[in-house]
Amino acid sequence: ALSKEYLSGQVPIKVLSKFKEQYSDTRIIIEKLDNINSAKNHNLTLADTLLLKEAIDFTGADQLFNFSRIIYNKKRDAALIDIGISHSGLAGSSRVCYLQKKNGQWKIISCYEGYIW
């Protein structure tokens, strides 16, 4: 989850001022990747994170993406999400991404440095 302290230290105040101080209460569980595409034609697959946690190095996956709950603004036309990318159980980083919705399409406007592990 994105804490206020984490967000205030990483995301510019002019971006943060557009958002409520609570997360979306909607949980999304991704069960299929039909509508998720890679711009660089990467092979995307769902992974069992419990199995991946059993080993330091991932087998069968090059990277693991983790997504936080989404924080929306009042109009629900802008959002913040924390995206973590793990290369192994001991190496990864995250970015807080600022998205805007225009003409029914979500676009990433900018990303800010997050955690490193």
N, C-alpha and C. Protein backbone atom coordinates (compact mmCIF):
# COMPACT_ATOMS: atom_id res chain seq x y z
N ALA A 1 0.84 -1.18 0.00
CA ALA A 1 0.00 0.00 0.00
C ALA A 1 0.88 1.24 0.00
N LEU A 2 0.38 2.30 -0.56
CA LEU A 2 1.11 3.55 -0.64
C LEU A 2 0.83 4.39 0.60
N SER A 3 1.85 4.66 1.40
CA SER A 3 1.64 5.47 2.60
C SER A 3 1.75 6.95 2.24
N LYS A 4 1.13 7.80 3.06
CA LYS A 4 1.22 9.24 2.83
C LYS A 4 2.67 9.72 2.89
N GLU A 5 3.46 9.16 3.81
CA GLU A 5 4.85 9.56 3.94
C GLU A 5 5.62 9.18 2.68
N TYR A 6 5.37 7.99 2.16
CA TYR A 6 6.04 7.52 0.95
C TYR A 6 5.67 8.41 -0.23
N LEU A 7 4.39 8.67 -0.41
CA LEU A 7 3.94 9.48 -1.52
C LEU A 7 4.48 10.90 -1.43
N SER A 8 4.45 11.50 -0.23
CA SER A 8 4.88 12.89 -0.10
C SER A 8 6.37 13.04 -0.34
N GLY A 9 7.13 11.98 -0.12
CA GLY A 9 8.58 12.05 -0.35
C GLY A 9 8.97 11.80 -1.79
N GLN A 10 8.11 11.21 -2.59
CA GLN A 10 8.48 10.81 -3.94
C GLN A 10 7.71 11.55 -5.03
N VAL A 11 6.43 11.78 -4.81
CA VAL A 11 5.58 12.38 -5.84
C VAL A 11 5.45 13.87 -5.59
N PRO A 12 5.63 14.71 -6.62
CA PRO A 12 5.53 16.17 -6.42
C PRO A 12 4.19 16.58 -5.83
N ILE A 13 4.21 17.59 -4.98
CA ILE A 13 3.01 18.07 -4.29
C ILE A 13 1.93 18.48 -5.30
N LYS A 14 2.31 19.08 -6.45
CA LYS A 14 1.30 19.50 -7.43
C LYS A 14 0.54 18.31 -8.00
N VAL A 15 1.16 17.14 -8.06
CA VAL A 15 0.47 15.92 -8.50
C VAL A 15 -0.37 15.37 -7.36
N LEU A 16 0.21 15.31 -6.15
CA LEU A 16 -0.50 14.75 -5.00
C LEU A 16 -1.76 15.53 -4.64
N SER A 17 -1.75 16.83 -4.86
CA SER A 17 -2.88 17.66 -4.46
C SER A 17 -4.17 17.32 -5.20
N LYS A 18 -4.09 16.55 -6.28
CA LYS A 18 -5.27 16.18 -7.06
C LYS A 18 -6.01 14.97 -6.49
N PHE A 19 -5.44 14.31 -5.48
CA PHE A 19 -5.98 13.03 -5.04
C PHE A 19 -6.54 13.08 -3.63
N LYS A 20 -7.57 12.23 -3.42
CA LYS A 20 -8.09 12.03 -2.07
C LYS A 20 -7.03 11.31 -1.25
N GLU A 21 -7.23 11.23 0.05
CA GLU A 21 -6.28 10.54 0.90
C GLU A 21 -6.69 9.10 1.17
N GLN A 22 -7.51 8.54 0.32
CA GLN A 22 -7.88 7.14 0.51
C GLN A 22 -7.74 6.37 -0.79
N TYR A 23 -7.57 5.08 -0.67
CA TYR A 23 -7.43 4.21 -1.82
C TYR A 23 -8.78 3.88 -2.40
N SER A 24 -8.77 3.43 -3.62
CA SER A 24 -10.00 2.89 -4.20
C SER A 24 -10.37 1.66 -3.38
N ASP A 25 -11.64 1.48 -3.10
CA ASP A 25 -12.05 0.30 -2.33
C ASP A 25 -12.33 -0.90 -3.23
N THR A 26 -12.08 -0.73 -4.51
CA THR A 26 -12.30 -1.82 -5.45
C THR A 26 -11.01 -2.62 -5.61
N ARG A 27 -11.09 -3.90 -5.36
CA ARG A 27 -9.93 -4.77 -5.59
C ARG A 27 -10.10 -5.44 -6.94
N ILE A 28 -9.06 -5.43 -7.71
CA ILE A 28 -9.09 -6.05 -9.03
C ILE A 28 -8.17 -7.25 -9.00
N ILE A 29 -8.69 -8.39 -9.36
CA ILE A 29 -7.88 -9.60 -9.46
C ILE A 29 -7.74 -9.93 -10.94
N ILE A 30 -6.51 -9.94 -11.42
CA ILE A 30 -6.27 -10.26 -12.82
C ILE A 30 -6.27 -11.77 -12.99
N GLU A 31 -7.20 -12.26 -13.77
CA GLU A 31 -7.30 -13.70 -14.02
C GLU A 31 -6.89 -14.07 -15.44
N LYS A 32 -6.97 -13.10 -16.36
CA LYS A 32 -6.59 -13.32 -17.75
C LYS A 32 -5.81 -12.10 -18.22
N LEU A 33 -4.95 -12.31 -19.19
CA LEU A 33 -4.14 -11.21 -19.72
C LEU A 33 -4.62 -10.77 -21.10
N ASP A 34 -5.88 -11.06 -21.43
CA ASP A 34 -6.41 -10.76 -22.76
C ASP A 34 -6.28 -9.29 -23.15
N ASN A 35 -6.49 -8.38 -22.22
CA ASN A 35 -6.46 -6.95 -22.54
C ASN A 35 -5.18 -6.26 -22.10
N ILE A 36 -4.18 -7.04 -21.73
CA ILE A 36 -2.91 -6.47 -21.30
C ILE A 36 -1.86 -6.85 -22.34
N ASN A 37 -1.29 -5.85 -22.97
CA ASN A 37 -0.33 -6.09 -24.04
C ASN A 37 1.00 -5.42 -23.72
N SER A 38 2.04 -5.96 -24.26
CA SER A 38 3.37 -5.38 -24.13
C SER A 38 3.68 -4.63 -25.41
N ALA A 39 4.09 -3.37 -25.27
CA ALA A 39 4.44 -2.57 -26.44
C ALA A 39 5.67 -3.14 -27.16
N LYS A 40 6.47 -3.90 -26.44
CA LYS A 40 7.68 -4.49 -27.03
C LYS A 40 7.51 -5.99 -27.27
N ASN A 41 6.26 -6.45 -27.28
CA ASN A 41 5.95 -7.87 -27.56
C ASN A 41 6.58 -8.85 -26.58
N HIS A 42 6.66 -8.46 -25.30
CA HIS A 42 7.14 -9.38 -24.27
C HIS A 42 6.08 -10.46 -24.06
N ASN A 43 6.51 -11.61 -23.62
CA ASN A 43 5.60 -12.70 -23.29
C ASN A 43 5.13 -12.50 -21.85
N LEU A 44 3.86 -12.14 -21.67
CA LEU A 44 3.29 -11.93 -20.34
C LEU A 44 2.51 -13.16 -19.90
N THR A 45 2.69 -13.54 -18.65
CA THR A 45 1.95 -14.68 -18.11
C THR A 45 1.67 -14.42 -16.63
N LEU A 46 0.61 -15.00 -16.13
CA LEU A 46 0.32 -14.90 -14.70
C LEU A 46 1.23 -15.85 -13.94
N ALA A 47 1.71 -15.43 -12.79
CA ALA A 47 2.63 -16.24 -12.00
C ALA A 47 2.04 -16.52 -10.63
N ASP A 48 2.39 -17.65 -10.08
CA ASP A 48 2.02 -18.00 -8.72
C ASP A 48 3.08 -17.42 -7.78
N THR A 49 2.77 -16.29 -7.15
CA THR A 49 3.77 -15.61 -6.32
C THR A 49 4.17 -16.43 -5.10
N LEU A 50 3.29 -17.31 -4.63
CA LEU A 50 3.67 -18.15 -3.49
C LEU A 50 4.79 -19.10 -3.87
N LEU A 51 4.72 -19.65 -5.08
CA LEU A 51 5.80 -20.52 -5.54
C LEU A 51 7.09 -19.74 -5.78
N LEU A 52 6.97 -18.53 -6.31
CA LEU A 52 8.16 -17.72 -6.57
C LEU A 52 8.87 -17.32 -5.28
N LYS A 53 8.13 -17.14 -4.20
CA LYS A 53 8.73 -16.74 -2.93
C LYS A 53 9.56 -17.85 -2.28
N GLU A 54 9.38 -19.07 -2.75
CA GLU A 54 10.12 -20.20 -2.16
C GLU A 54 11.59 -20.20 -2.56
N ALA A 55 11.95 -19.49 -3.62
CA ALA A 55 13.33 -19.48 -4.09
C ALA A 55 13.80 -18.04 -4.23
N ILE A 56 15.11 -17.83 -4.07
CA ILE A 56 15.67 -16.49 -4.24
C ILE A 56 15.59 -16.08 -5.71
N ASP A 57 15.93 -16.98 -6.62
CA ASP A 57 15.86 -16.68 -8.05
C ASP A 57 14.59 -17.26 -8.63
N PHE A 58 13.94 -16.50 -9.48
CA PHE A 58 12.71 -16.95 -10.11
C PHE A 58 13.03 -17.98 -11.19
N THR A 59 12.22 -18.99 -11.27
CA THR A 59 12.33 -19.93 -12.38
C THR A 59 11.08 -19.77 -13.23
N GLY A 60 11.27 -19.70 -14.53
CA GLY A 60 10.13 -19.56 -15.43
C GLY A 60 9.65 -18.13 -15.61
N ALA A 61 10.34 -17.15 -15.00
CA ALA A 61 9.95 -15.75 -15.16
C ALA A 61 11.20 -14.87 -15.10
N ASP A 62 11.26 -13.89 -15.97
CA ASP A 62 12.38 -12.95 -15.95
C ASP A 62 12.12 -11.80 -14.98
N GLN A 63 10.86 -11.36 -14.92
CA GLN A 63 10.49 -10.26 -14.04
C GLN A 63 9.10 -10.52 -13.49
N LEU A 64 8.86 -10.00 -12.31
CA LEU A 64 7.55 -10.11 -11.68
C LEU A 64 7.05 -8.70 -11.41
N PHE A 65 5.85 -8.38 -11.90
CA PHE A 65 5.25 -7.06 -11.69
C PHE A 65 4.21 -7.16 -10.59
N ASN A 66 4.26 -6.22 -9.64
CA ASN A 66 3.30 -6.13 -8.55
C ASN A 66 2.62 -4.77 -8.63
N PHE A 67 1.32 -4.73 -8.42
CA PHE A 67 0.57 -3.49 -8.52
C PHE A 67 -0.14 -3.20 -7.20
N SER A 68 -0.07 -1.94 -6.75
CA SER A 68 -0.78 -1.53 -5.54
C SER A 68 -2.24 -1.30 -5.88
N ARG A 69 -3.02 -0.98 -4.84
CA ARG A 69 -4.37 -0.49 -5.09
C ARG A 69 -4.26 0.86 -5.78
N ILE A 70 -5.28 1.26 -6.47
CA ILE A 70 -5.27 2.51 -7.24
C ILE A 70 -5.84 3.64 -6.40
N ILE A 71 -5.19 4.80 -6.45
CA ILE A 71 -5.70 6.00 -5.82
C ILE A 71 -6.24 6.89 -6.94
N TYR A 72 -7.54 7.24 -6.87
CA TYR A 72 -8.16 8.09 -7.89
C TYR A 72 -8.35 9.51 -7.36
N ASN A 73 -8.44 10.47 -8.28
CA ASN A 73 -8.87 11.80 -7.88
C ASN A 73 -10.40 11.80 -7.82
N LYS A 74 -11.00 12.93 -7.41
CA LYS A 74 -12.45 12.99 -7.24
C LYS A 74 -13.20 12.75 -8.55
N LYS A 75 -12.66 13.23 -9.65
CA LYS A 75 -13.33 13.07 -10.96
C LYS A 75 -13.11 11.69 -11.57
N ARG A 76 -12.19 10.92 -11.00
CA ARG A 76 -11.79 9.61 -11.52
C ARG A 76 -11.25 9.69 -12.95
N ASP A 77 -10.55 10.79 -13.23
CA ASP A 77 -9.89 10.91 -14.53
C ASP A 77 -8.37 11.00 -14.38
N ALA A 78 -7.90 10.78 -13.16
CA ALA A 78 -6.46 10.72 -12.87
C ALA A 78 -6.27 9.69 -11.76
N ALA A 79 -5.11 9.05 -11.76
CA ALA A 79 -4.85 7.99 -10.78
C ALA A 79 -3.37 7.88 -10.48
N LEU A 80 -3.08 7.34 -9.29
CA LEU A 80 -1.72 6.98 -8.90
C LEU A 80 -1.70 5.49 -8.61
N ILE A 81 -0.62 4.82 -9.02
CA ILE A 81 -0.45 3.40 -8.73
C ILE A 81 1.04 3.14 -8.53
N ASP A 82 1.35 2.27 -7.60
CA ASP A 82 2.73 1.87 -7.36
C ASP A 82 2.95 0.55 -8.09
N ILE A 83 3.95 0.51 -8.96
CA ILE A 83 4.26 -0.70 -9.72
C ILE A 83 5.64 -1.18 -9.30
N GLY A 84 5.69 -2.38 -8.74
CA GLY A 84 6.96 -2.98 -8.35
C GLY A 84 7.42 -3.97 -9.40
N ILE A 85 8.72 -3.99 -9.66
CA ILE A 85 9.30 -4.93 -10.62
C ILE A 85 10.41 -5.68 -9.91
N SER A 86 10.23 -6.99 -9.77
CA SER A 86 11.22 -7.84 -9.12
C SER A 86 11.96 -8.65 -10.18
N HIS A 87 13.29 -8.68 -10.06
CA HIS A 87 14.10 -9.49 -10.95
C HIS A 87 14.46 -10.82 -10.29
N SER A 88 14.40 -10.84 -8.98
CA SER A 88 14.57 -12.05 -8.18
C SER A 88 14.00 -11.71 -6.80
N GLY A 89 14.05 -12.67 -5.90
CA GLY A 89 13.54 -12.42 -4.56
C GLY A 89 14.31 -11.36 -3.80
N LEU A 90 15.51 -11.03 -4.26
CA LEU A 90 16.36 -10.08 -3.55
C LEU A 90 16.67 -8.82 -4.35
N ALA A 91 16.11 -8.66 -5.54
CA ALA A 91 16.44 -7.50 -6.36
C ALA A 91 15.21 -6.98 -7.07
N GLY A 92 14.93 -5.70 -6.86
CA GLY A 92 13.80 -5.09 -7.54
C GLY A 92 13.67 -3.62 -7.18
N SER A 93 12.69 -2.98 -7.76
CA SER A 93 12.43 -1.58 -7.49
C SER A 93 10.97 -1.27 -7.80
N SER A 94 10.54 -0.08 -7.42
CA SER A 94 9.17 0.31 -7.71
C SER A 94 9.12 1.73 -8.23
N ARG A 95 8.03 2.05 -8.89
CA ARG A 95 7.77 3.38 -9.41
C ARG A 95 6.33 3.73 -9.07
N VAL A 96 6.11 4.98 -8.71
CA VAL A 96 4.75 5.50 -8.54
C VAL A 96 4.41 6.15 -9.87
N CYS A 97 3.35 5.66 -10.52
CA CYS A 97 2.98 6.19 -11.84
C CYS A 97 1.73 7.05 -11.73
N TYR A 98 1.77 8.17 -12.42
CA TYR A 98 0.67 9.12 -12.49
C TYR A 98 0.00 8.93 -13.85
N LEU A 99 -1.28 8.57 -13.83
CA LEU A 99 -2.03 8.29 -15.05
C LEU A 99 -3.17 9.29 -15.21
N GLN A 100 -3.53 9.59 -16.46
CA GLN A 100 -4.69 10.41 -16.76
C GLN A 100 -5.54 9.70 -17.80
N LYS A 101 -6.86 9.91 -17.69
CA LYS A 101 -7.80 9.31 -18.62
C LYS A 101 -8.29 10.40 -19.58
N LYS A 102 -8.04 10.20 -20.87
CA LYS A 102 -8.49 11.14 -21.90
C LYS A 102 -9.15 10.34 -23.01
N ASN A 103 -10.32 10.78 -23.39
CA ASN A 103 -11.08 10.10 -24.45
C ASN A 103 -11.27 8.61 -24.17
N GLY A 104 -11.48 8.27 -22.90
CA GLY A 104 -11.73 6.89 -22.51
C GLY A 104 -10.50 6.01 -22.40
N GLN A 105 -9.31 6.56 -22.63
CA GLN A 105 -8.08 5.77 -22.58
C GLN A 105 -7.18 6.28 -21.47
N TRP A 106 -6.61 5.35 -20.68
CA TRP A 106 -5.66 5.71 -19.63
C TRP A 106 -4.27 5.81 -20.23
N LYS A 107 -3.54 6.86 -19.89
CA LYS A 107 -2.17 7.06 -20.36
C LYS A 107 -1.28 7.35 -19.16
N ILE A 108 -0.07 6.81 -19.17
CA ILE A 108 0.91 7.13 -18.14
C ILE A 108 1.49 8.50 -18.47
N ILE A 109 1.36 9.44 -17.54
CA ILE A 109 1.86 10.80 -17.74
C ILE A 109 3.30 10.90 -17.25
N SER A 110 3.57 10.36 -16.07
CA SER A 110 4.94 10.37 -15.53
C SER A 110 5.05 9.32 -14.43
N CYS A 111 6.29 8.94 -14.16
CA CYS A 111 6.58 7.99 -13.08
C CYS A 111 7.67 8.58 -12.19
N TYR A 112 7.59 8.23 -10.90
CA TYR A 112 8.50 8.75 -9.91
C TYR A 112 9.18 7.60 -9.18
N GLU A 113 10.42 7.81 -8.77
CA GLU A 113 11.20 6.78 -8.11
C GLU A 113 10.50 6.30 -6.84
N GLY A 114 10.52 5.00 -6.63
CA GLY A 114 9.92 4.41 -5.43
C GLY A 114 10.97 3.70 -4.60
N TYR A 115 10.64 2.51 -4.12
CA TYR A 115 11.53 1.72 -3.29
C TYR A 115 12.53 0.93 -4.14
N ILE A 116 13.65 0.56 -3.53
CA ILE A 116 14.62 -0.34 -4.14
C ILE A 116 14.90 -1.45 -3.13
N TRP A 117 14.91 -2.69 -3.59
CA TRP A 117 15.24 -3.80 -2.69
C TRP A 117 16.17 -4.76 -3.38
